[in-house]
């Protein structure tokens, strides 16, 4: 039973750490992105 509890604790710690790491990397990559000054959709001439 102790092994199951230890596995749950380790799994939760790894999941939390992975989430923080992924969020940090995603935030850093979007913070350095430059805004686009073009229209989102280009439907052409009408």
PDB file of N, CA and C in Angstrom:
ATOM      1  N   UNK A   1       0.826  -1.200   0.000  1.00  0.00           N
ATOM      2  CA  UNK A   1       0.000   0.000   0.000  1.00  0.00           C
ATOM      3  C   UNK A   1       0.865   1.257   0.000  1.00  0.00           C
ATOM      4  N   UNK A   2       1.988   1.198   0.688  1.00  0.00           N
ATOM      5  CA  UNK A   2       2.892   2.350   0.731  1.00  0.00           C
ATOM      6  C   UNK A   2       3.469   2.620  -0.656  1.00  0.00           C
ATOM      7  N   UNK A   3       3.712   1.563  -1.420  1.00  0.00           N
ATOM      8  CA  UNK A   3       4.241   1.744  -2.773  1.00  0.00           C
ATOM      9  C   UNK A   3       3.242   2.465  -3.673  1.00  0.00           C
ATOM     10  N   UNK A   4       1.981   2.158  -3.508  1.00  0.00           N
ATOM     11  CA  UNK A   4       0.947   2.809  -4.311  1.00  0.00           C
ATOM     12  C   UNK A   4       0.859   4.289  -3.966  1.00  0.00           C
ATOM     13  N   UNK A   5       0.894   4.611  -2.689  1.00  0.00           N
ATOM     14  CA  UNK A   5       0.844   6.015  -2.259  1.00  0.00           C
ATOM     15  C   UNK A   5       2.081   6.759  -2.737  1.00  0.00           C
ATOM     16  N   UNK A   6       3.248   6.131  -2.632  1.00  0.00           N
ATOM     17  CA  UNK A   6       4.486   6.765  -3.093  1.00  0.00           C
ATOM     18  C   UNK A   6       4.436   7.002  -4.599  1.00  0.00           C
ATOM     19  N   UNK A   7       3.904   6.044  -5.350  1.00  0.00           N
ATOM     20  CA  UNK A   7       3.793   6.209  -6.801  1.00  0.00           C
ATOM     21  C   UNK A   7       2.852   7.349  -7.151  1.00  0.00           C
ATOM     22  N   UNK A   8       1.760   7.477  -6.404  1.00  0.00           N
ATOM     23  CA  UNK A   8       0.816   8.587  -6.636  1.00  0.00           C
ATOM     24  C   UNK A   8       1.467   9.933  -6.348  1.00  0.00           C
ATOM     25  N   UNK A   9       2.223  10.010  -5.267  1.00  0.00           N
ATOM     26  CA  UNK A   9       2.889  11.269  -4.906  1.00  0.00           C
ATOM     27  C   UNK A   9       3.935  11.633  -5.953  1.00  0.00           C
ATOM     28  N   UNK A  10       4.722  10.662  -6.373  1.00  0.00           N
ATOM     29  CA  UNK A  10       5.755  10.922  -7.388  1.00  0.00           C
ATOM     30  C   UNK A  10       5.106  11.309  -8.714  1.00  0.00           C
ATOM     31  N   UNK A  11       4.033  10.629  -9.085  1.00  0.00           N
ATOM     32  CA  UNK A  11       3.338  10.968 -10.328  1.00  0.00           C
ATOM     33  C   UNK A  11       2.753  12.364 -10.298  1.00  0.00           C
ATOM     34  N   UNK A  12       2.172  12.739  -9.175  1.00  0.00           N
ATOM     35  CA  UNK A  12       1.611  14.087  -9.052  1.00  0.00           C
ATOM     36  C   UNK A  12       2.709  15.147  -9.123  1.00  0.00           C
ATOM     37  N   UNK A  13       3.850  14.864  -8.505  1.00  0.00           N
ATOM     38  CA  UNK A  13       4.964  15.811  -8.540  1.00  0.00           C
ATOM     39  C   UNK A  13       5.503  15.958  -9.962  1.00  0.00           C
ATOM     40  N   UNK A  14       5.619  14.853 -10.677  1.00  0.00           N
ATOM     41  CA  UNK A  14       6.105  14.925 -12.059  1.00  0.00           C
ATOM     42  C   UNK A  14       5.103  15.650 -12.958  1.00  0.00           C
ATOM     43  N   UNK A  15       3.833  15.391 -12.762  1.00  0.00           N
ATOM     44  CA  UNK A  15       2.816  16.069 -13.571  1.00  0.00           C
ATOM     45  C   UNK A  15       2.813  17.573 -13.302  1.00  0.00           C
ATOM     46  N   UNK A  16       2.904  17.956 -12.042  1.00  0.00           N
ATOM     47  CA  UNK A  16       2.944  19.381 -11.702  1.00  0.00           C
ATOM     48  C   UNK A  16       4.184  20.062 -12.246  1.00  0.00           C
ATOM     49  N   UNK A  17       5.326  19.403 -12.113  1.00  0.00           N
ATOM     50  CA  UNK A  17       6.572  19.967 -12.635  1.00  0.00           C
ATOM     51  C   UNK A  17       6.542  20.092 -14.146  1.00  0.00           C
ATOM     52  N   UNK A  18       5.998  19.090 -14.819  1.00  0.00           N
ATOM     53  CA  UNK A  18       5.893  19.144 -16.274  1.00  0.00           C
ATOM     54  C   UNK A  18       4.975  20.251 -16.737  1.00  0.00           C
ATOM     55  N   UNK A  19       3.899  20.471 -16.006  1.00  0.00           N
ATOM     56  CA  UNK A  19       2.965  21.547 -16.351  1.00  0.00           C
ATOM     57  C   UNK A  19       3.617  22.913 -16.192  1.00  0.00           C
ATOM     58  N   UNK A  20       4.340  23.090 -15.102  1.00  0.00           N
ATOM     59  CA  UNK A  20       5.030  24.370 -14.880  1.00  0.00           C
ATOM     60  C   UNK A  20       6.088  24.597 -15.948  1.00  0.00           C
ATOM     61  N   UNK A  21       6.830  23.559 -16.304  1.00  0.00           N
ATOM     62  CA  UNK A  21       7.864  23.692 -17.325  1.00  0.00           C
ATOM     63  C   UNK A  21       7.253  24.024 -18.683  1.00  0.00           C
ATOM     64  N   UNK A  22       6.204  23.332 -19.065  1.00  0.00           N
ATOM     65  CA  UNK A  22       5.556  23.584 -20.359  1.00  0.00           C
ATOM     66  C   UNK A  22       4.959  24.979 -20.409  1.00  0.00           C
ATOM     67  N   UNK A  23       4.342  25.419 -19.327  1.00  0.00           N
ATOM     68  CA  UNK A  23       3.762  26.760 -19.278  1.00  0.00           C
ATOM     69  C   UNK A  23       4.848  27.825 -19.373  1.00  0.00           C
ATOM     70  N   UNK A  24       5.950  27.585 -18.698  1.00  0.00           N
ATOM     71  CA  UNK A  24       7.063  28.538 -18.740  1.00  0.00           C
ATOM     72  C   UNK A  24       7.634  28.648 -20.146  1.00  0.00           C
ATOM     73  N   UNK A  25       7.829  27.522 -20.806  1.00  0.00           N
ATOM     74  CA  UNK A  25       8.368  27.551 -22.168  1.00  0.00           C
ATOM     75  C   UNK A  25       7.390  28.210 -23.134  1.00  0.00           C
ATOM     76  N   UNK A  26       6.109  27.937 -22.979  1.00  0.00           N
ATOM     77  CA  UNK A  26       5.113  28.534 -23.868  1.00  0.00           C
ATOM     78  C   UNK A  26       5.028  30.039 -23.658  1.00  0.00           C
ATOM     79  N   UNK A  27       5.132  30.481 -22.421  1.00  0.00           N
ATOM     80  CA  UNK A  27       5.073  31.908 -22.124  1.00  0.00           C
ATOM     81  C   UNK A  27       6.294  32.624 -22.675  1.00  0.00           C
ATOM     82  N   UNK A  28       7.463  32.003 -22.551  1.00  0.00           N
ATOM     83  CA  UNK A  28       8.678  32.627 -23.059  1.00  0.00           C
ATOM     84  C   UNK A  28       8.650  32.750 -24.575  1.00  0.00           C
ATOM     85  N   UNK A  29       8.130  31.751 -25.266  1.00  0.00           N
ATOM     86  CA  UNK A  29       8.125  31.802 -26.724  1.00  0.00           C
ATOM     87  C   UNK A  29       7.128  32.830 -27.241  1.00  0.00           C
ATOM     88  N   UNK A  30       6.011  33.030 -26.542  1.00  0.00           N
ATOM     89  CA  UNK A  30       5.047  34.022 -27.007  1.00  0.00           C
ATOM     90  C   UNK A  30       5.433  35.427 -26.585  1.00  0.00           C
ATOM     91  N   UNK A  31       6.246  35.566 -25.552  1.00  0.00           N
ATOM     92  CA  UNK A  31       6.639  36.896 -25.098  1.00  0.00           C
ATOM     93  C   UNK A  31       7.600  37.546 -26.087  1.00  0.00           C
ATOM     94  N   UNK A  32       8.382  36.745 -26.804  1.00  0.00           N
ATOM     95  CA  UNK A  32       9.354  37.294 -27.738  1.00  0.00           C
ATOM     96  C   UNK A  32       8.790  37.424 -29.150  1.00  0.00           C
ATOM     97  N   UNK A  33       7.566  36.980 -29.365  1.00  0.00           N
ATOM     98  CA  UNK A  33       6.967  37.050 -30.701  1.00  0.00           C
ATOM     99  C   UNK A  33       6.579  38.487 -31.033  1.00  0.00           C
ATOM    100  N   UNK A  34       6.735  38.838 -32.303  1.00  0.00           N
ATOM    101  CA  UNK A  34       6.377  40.183 -32.743  1.00  0.00           C
ATOM    102  C   UNK A  34       4.946  40.175 -33.261  1.00  0.00           C
ATOM    103  N   UNK A  35       4.192  41.232 -33.010  1.00  0.00           N
ATOM    104  CA  UNK A  35       2.823  41.283 -33.508  1.00  0.00           C
ATOM    105  C   UNK A  35       2.785  41.422 -35.026  1.00  0.00           C
ATOM    106  N   UNK A  36       1.758  40.902 -35.627  1.00  0.00           N
ATOM    107  CA  UNK A  36       1.588  40.964 -37.077  1.00  0.00           C
ATOM    108  C   UNK A  36       0.639  42.104 -37.401  1.00  0.00           C
ATOM    109  N   UNK A  37       1.036  42.938 -38.338  1.00  0.00           N
ATOM    110  CA  UNK A  37       0.220  44.095 -38.709  1.00  0.00           C
ATOM    111  C   UNK A  37      -0.549  43.838 -39.998  1.00  0.00           C
ATOM    112  N   UNK A  38      -1.034  42.631 -40.200  1.00  0.00           N
ATOM    113  CA  UNK A  38      -1.802  42.284 -41.381  1.00  0.00           C
ATOM    114  C   UNK A  38      -3.166  41.762 -40.950  1.00  0.00           C
ATOM    115  N   UNK A  39      -4.100  41.747 -41.888  1.00  0.00           N
ATOM    116  CA  UNK A  39      -5.409  41.227 -41.563  1.00  0.00           C
ATOM    117  C   UNK A  39      -5.326  39.725 -41.324  1.00  0.00           C
ATOM    118  N   UNK A  40      -6.193  39.229 -40.483  1.00  0.00           N
ATOM    119  CA  UNK A  40      -6.173  37.818 -40.139  1.00  0.00           C
ATOM    120  C   UNK A  40      -6.635  36.961 -41.314  1.00  0.00           C
ATOM    121  N   UNK A  41      -7.675  37.411 -42.006  1.00  0.00           N
ATOM    122  CA  UNK A  41      -8.215  36.651 -43.130  1.00  0.00           C
ATOM    123  C   UNK A  41      -8.028  37.462 -44.407  1.00  0.00           C
ATOM    124  N   UNK A  42      -7.578  36.786 -45.441  1.00  0.00           N
ATOM    125  CA  UNK A  42      -7.404  37.445 -46.733  1.00  0.00           C
ATOM    126  C   UNK A  42      -8.368  36.797 -47.720  1.00  0.00           C
ATOM    127  N   UNK A  43      -9.493  37.467 -47.973  1.00  0.00           N
ATOM    128  CA  UNK A  43     -10.505  36.916 -48.855  1.00  0.00           C
ATOM    129  C   UNK A  43     -10.276  37.336 -50.304  1.00  0.00           C
ATOM    130  N   UNK A  44      -9.329  38.200 -50.576  1.00  0.00           N
ATOM    131  CA  UNK A  44      -9.080  38.660 -51.930  1.00  0.00           C
ATOM    132  C   UNK A  44     -10.001  39.808 -52.305  1.00  0.00           C
ATOM    133  N   UNK A  45      -9.937  40.200 -53.562  1.00  0.00           N
ATOM    134  CA  UNK A  45     -10.761  41.312 -54.059  1.00  0.00           C
ATOM    135  C   UNK A  45     -12.179  40.834 -54.312  1.00  0.00           C
ATOM    136  N   UNK A  46     -13.148  41.650 -53.914  1.00  0.00           N
ATOM    137  CA  UNK A  46     -14.551  41.291 -54.136  1.00  0.00           C
ATOM    138  C   UNK A  46     -15.221  42.359 -54.932  1.00  0.00           C
TER     139      UNK A  46
END
